[in-house]
Each structure stands twice: as C-alpha cells, then as structure tokens.
Amino acid sequence: MTARIGLPAPSFTLDTITYDSGFPVSKSLDDYLGKWLLLFFYPFDFSRVCPTELVSLNRRIGEFSDLNVEILGISTDSIHTHKAWLRTGDGIGPLSFPLASDFSKEVTTLYGVLDEATKAPLRASFLIDTQGIVQYYVVSNSKVGRSVDETLRVLEALQSGGLCPMDWKPGEKTISS
C-alpha cells in the first residue's frame, strides 16, 4: 500500500532515538492517534541539506506543538548512526523530536518514497490527521530543502476546516462552499 490522500496512513513500527535517550524506543503510527503527525522523510544523516531542514523544524517546534502536531524524522540510516549524528561534535546536536530508523526500507517503500538509485528516502513530508488519515504530502528533489513556513501554512489550512484559496494564510477568510 502506498500512502494516498484521504486514506489511512500505512501502519508502521520503527525504532526511534532522541538526544536524551540512551537506547532506542519503538514507536508506531498508533502512538500518534489523537494528534497530527508530520512524517518527515530525509535521505541521510551527516549530509548537507538534511540538517538545515531538521534544525529549522526544531527551531519552530513550539508552533507545531501549538497546532497539536508531533514530528517524526525518518531515514534509512541505522539507529546507531542517528545516535552518533545527534551526539557527536560534527553532528546535528539536540532535537526536540525523535529520529526513526527505517534500516529495512519497509516504511519508506510503504509510503512510496524510496529512491531506487540511492536506496534512501526522497525528501518527503506527510501530514497525517488525528484519526491517522493522510491529509497532505509533498515530495521534493533531493537538492532542495523543504519550507517550514509552507508546511505550517498547509497544516493550518487543513485545520481551518474551510476551502483555502491559493496563497491562503492563517487569519484570512476561507471560501464559503
């Protein structure tokens, strides 16, 4: 099953790690029911563009929290690589959300974002609602980082409950149906 808008998100269970945890913690899609979830697939730890994205998300974690959103970063790096990336001097440092290891590539494949050439995830973001339904996703070229502003704008548009025109911003009127 590939993730599709309006359908239940493919179920998963992955080992995750945070800066503060000394050992992996298993997380499943079901753990996030009742909250919105931003699944943030990225190609590689210790790379150039990925840390700019994750650090930007981390800087804005309060805005996501205010919107009842949890973030889960996913790559096909091992849990040990994630731990080293979080904790070593040339790594990314502390993040306020977990990083998940999809070392088997099963989840990346389930969500339809495995780059066959690199065997790593494409840059892909999925917004999953409180009921586990995929409401939005975007996949971008690996050379271009994603926009936190756009992710938040789309999230607020989805949560507004209205029809939102192009370039809609929070606080603006939605379209009456």
Protein backbone atom coordinates (compact mmCIF):
# COMPACT_ATOMS: atom_id res chain seq x y z
CA MET A 1 0.00 0.00 0.00
CA THR A 2 1.28 3.46 -0.88
CA ALA A 3 0.18 6.48 1.13
CA ARG A 4 -2.73 8.32 -0.51
CA ILE A 5 -4.55 11.48 0.50
CA GLY A 6 -7.85 10.76 2.23
CA LEU A 7 -6.91 7.18 3.11
CA PRO A 8 -5.48 5.71 6.32
CA ALA A 9 -1.72 6.13 6.54
CA PRO A 10 0.23 2.90 6.16
CA SER A 11 0.85 1.42 9.60
CA PHE A 12 4.41 1.17 10.87
CA THR A 13 6.54 0.47 13.91
CA LEU A 14 10.11 1.78 13.98
CA ASP A 15 12.91 2.17 16.48
CA THR A 16 13.49 5.82 17.37
CA ILE A 17 16.10 7.75 19.29
CA THR A 18 16.30 11.21 20.80
CA TYR A 19 19.28 13.21 22.00
CA ASP A 20 18.42 12.39 25.61
CA SER A 21 17.60 8.69 25.24
CA GLY A 22 20.33 6.17 25.79
CA PHE A 23 18.54 3.38 23.98
CA PRO A 24 16.02 3.00 21.13
CA VAL A 25 12.29 3.36 21.78
CA SER A 26 9.78 1.66 19.50
CA LYS A 27 7.15 4.00 18.00
CA SER A 28 4.16 3.11 15.86
CA LEU A 29 1.66 5.13 13.88
CA ASP A 30 -0.92 4.26 16.54
CA ASP A 31 1.17 6.08 19.16
CA TYR A 32 0.28 9.34 17.41
CA LEU A 33 -3.50 8.88 17.13
CA GLY A 34 -5.27 11.89 18.65
CA LYS A 35 -2.54 14.23 17.40
CA TRP A 36 -1.48 15.40 13.98
CA LEU A 37 1.75 13.83 12.77
CA LEU A 38 4.37 15.26 10.43
CA LEU A 39 6.31 12.33 8.98
CA PHE A 40 9.50 13.90 7.70
CA PHE A 41 11.46 11.54 5.45
CA TYR A 42 15.01 12.67 4.68
CA PRO A 43 17.87 10.99 2.78
CA PHE A 44 20.88 10.82 5.09
CA ASP A 45 22.38 11.75 8.43
CA PHE A 46 25.73 13.58 8.18
CA SER A 47 24.71 15.23 4.91
CA ARG A 48 24.43 18.86 3.83
CA VAL A 49 20.77 19.74 3.23
CA CYS A 50 19.10 17.40 5.76
CA PRO A 51 20.46 19.15 8.86
CA THR A 52 19.21 22.52 7.60
CA GLU A 53 15.70 21.07 7.41
CA LEU A 54 15.73 19.30 10.77
CA VAL A 55 17.27 22.24 12.63
CA SER A 56 14.66 24.58 11.07
CA LEU A 57 11.85 22.25 12.19
CA ASN A 58 13.36 22.10 15.65
CA ARG A 59 13.55 25.90 15.93
CA ARG A 60 9.81 26.05 15.23
CA ILE A 61 8.76 23.09 17.38
CA GLY A 62 6.60 25.35 19.56
CA GLU A 63 4.48 26.35 16.56
CA PHE A 64 3.91 22.69 15.71
CA SER A 65 3.10 21.87 19.33
CA ASP A 66 0.57 24.72 19.44
CA LEU A 67 -1.19 23.05 16.49
CA ASN A 68 -1.24 19.61 18.19
CA VAL A 69 1.44 18.24 15.85
CA GLU A 70 4.17 15.72 16.63
CA ILE A 71 7.17 15.37 14.31
CA LEU A 72 8.95 12.14 13.43
CA GLY A 73 12.09 12.27 11.28
CA ILE A 74 12.71 9.10 9.26
CA SER A 75 15.71 7.96 7.23
CA THR A 76 17.15 4.58 6.33
CA ASP A 77 20.25 5.21 8.44
CA SER A 78 20.73 2.88 11.40
CA ILE A 79 19.67 3.84 14.91
CA HIS A 80 23.39 3.94 15.81
CA THR A 81 24.07 6.43 13.02
CA HIS A 82 21.17 8.59 14.27
CA LYS A 83 22.59 8.47 17.80
CA ALA A 84 26.05 9.47 16.60
CA TRP A 85 24.60 12.28 14.47
CA LEU A 86 22.72 13.66 17.45
CA ARG A 87 25.62 13.40 19.90
CA THR A 88 28.96 13.89 18.13
CA GLY A 89 30.70 17.21 17.61
CA ASP A 90 30.24 17.13 13.85
CA GLY A 91 26.61 16.04 14.18
CA ILE A 92 23.31 17.85 14.35
CA GLY A 93 23.02 18.18 18.13
CA PRO A 94 19.84 18.01 20.23
CA LEU A 95 16.44 17.87 18.54
CA SER A 96 13.06 18.09 20.29
CA PHE A 97 11.63 15.21 18.27
CA PRO A 98 12.74 11.63 17.63
CA LEU A 99 14.57 10.24 14.62
CA ALA A 100 13.40 6.84 13.38
CA SER A 101 15.48 4.22 11.64
CA ASP A 102 13.89 2.53 8.64
CA PHE A 103 17.01 0.45 8.05
CA SER A 104 14.95 -2.27 6.33
CA LYS A 105 13.45 0.36 3.97
CA GLU A 106 9.97 -1.16 4.54
CA VAL A 107 8.27 2.03 5.71
CA THR A 108 9.98 4.19 3.09
CA THR A 109 8.72 1.74 0.47
CA LEU A 110 5.21 1.60 2.01
CA TYR A 111 4.97 5.38 1.74
CA GLY A 112 6.23 5.28 -1.86
CA VAL A 113 9.28 7.47 -1.28
CA LEU A 114 12.25 5.12 -1.70
CA ASP A 115 14.74 6.48 -4.24
CA GLU A 116 15.76 3.36 -6.13
CA ALA A 117 19.06 4.91 -7.22
CA THR A 118 20.31 5.76 -3.72
CA LYS A 119 18.20 3.28 -1.69
CA ALA A 120 17.41 6.20 0.61
CA PRO A 121 14.20 8.18 1.14
CA LEU A 122 13.34 11.05 -1.11
CA ARG A 123 12.68 14.35 0.70
CA ALA A 124 9.04 13.75 1.60
CA SER A 125 6.65 15.22 4.15
CA PHE A 126 3.32 13.66 5.14
CA LEU A 127 0.71 15.38 7.29
CA ILE A 128 -1.45 12.76 8.99
CA ASP A 129 -4.51 13.87 10.96
CA THR A 130 -5.66 12.86 14.43
CA GLN A 131 -7.51 9.84 13.01
CA GLY A 132 -4.48 8.52 11.09
CA ILE A 133 -5.65 9.76 7.67
CA VAL A 134 -3.14 11.19 5.18
CA GLN A 135 -4.23 14.77 4.51
CA TYR A 136 -1.23 16.11 2.59
CA TYR A 137 2.12 15.09 1.24
CA VAL A 138 4.89 16.63 -0.79
CA VAL A 139 7.97 15.03 -2.32
CA SER A 140 10.85 17.22 -3.42
CA ASN A 141 14.09 16.97 -5.31
CA SER A 142 16.93 15.88 -3.05
CA LYS A 143 18.84 19.06 -3.90
CA VAL A 144 16.13 21.35 -2.49
CA GLY A 145 15.24 21.65 1.19
CA ARG A 146 11.60 21.96 2.21
CA SER A 147 9.97 25.06 3.67
CA VAL A 148 8.85 25.02 7.30
CA ASP A 149 6.71 28.09 6.56
CA GLU A 150 4.84 26.22 3.82
CA THR A 151 4.40 23.12 5.98
CA LEU A 152 2.86 25.23 8.76
CA ARG A 153 0.68 27.14 6.28
CA VAL A 154 -0.72 23.92 4.80
CA LEU A 155 -1.24 22.44 8.25
CA GLU A 156 -3.21 25.49 9.41
CA ALA A 157 -5.21 25.46 6.17
CA LEU A 158 -6.13 21.81 6.74
CA GLN A 159 -7.06 22.51 10.34
CA SER A 160 -9.16 25.55 9.37
CA GLY A 161 -11.93 23.30 8.06
CA GLY A 162 -12.61 25.67 5.17
CA LEU A 163 -11.79 25.81 1.49
CA CYS A 164 -8.49 27.68 1.27
CA PRO A 165 -7.55 29.53 -1.92
CA MET A 166 -4.06 29.74 -3.37
CA ASP A 167 -1.61 31.53 -1.06
CA TRP A 168 -4.13 31.46 1.82
CA LYS A 169 -2.57 32.43 5.12
CA PRO A 170 -3.80 31.91 8.69
CA GLY A 171 -6.19 34.67 9.70
CA GLU A 172 -7.52 35.15 6.18
CA LYS A 173 -11.04 34.17 5.20
CA THR A 174 -11.70 30.80 3.69
CA ILE A 175 -14.01 30.28 0.73
CA SER A 176 -17.66 29.56 1.54
CA SER A 177 -18.94 26.39 -0.03
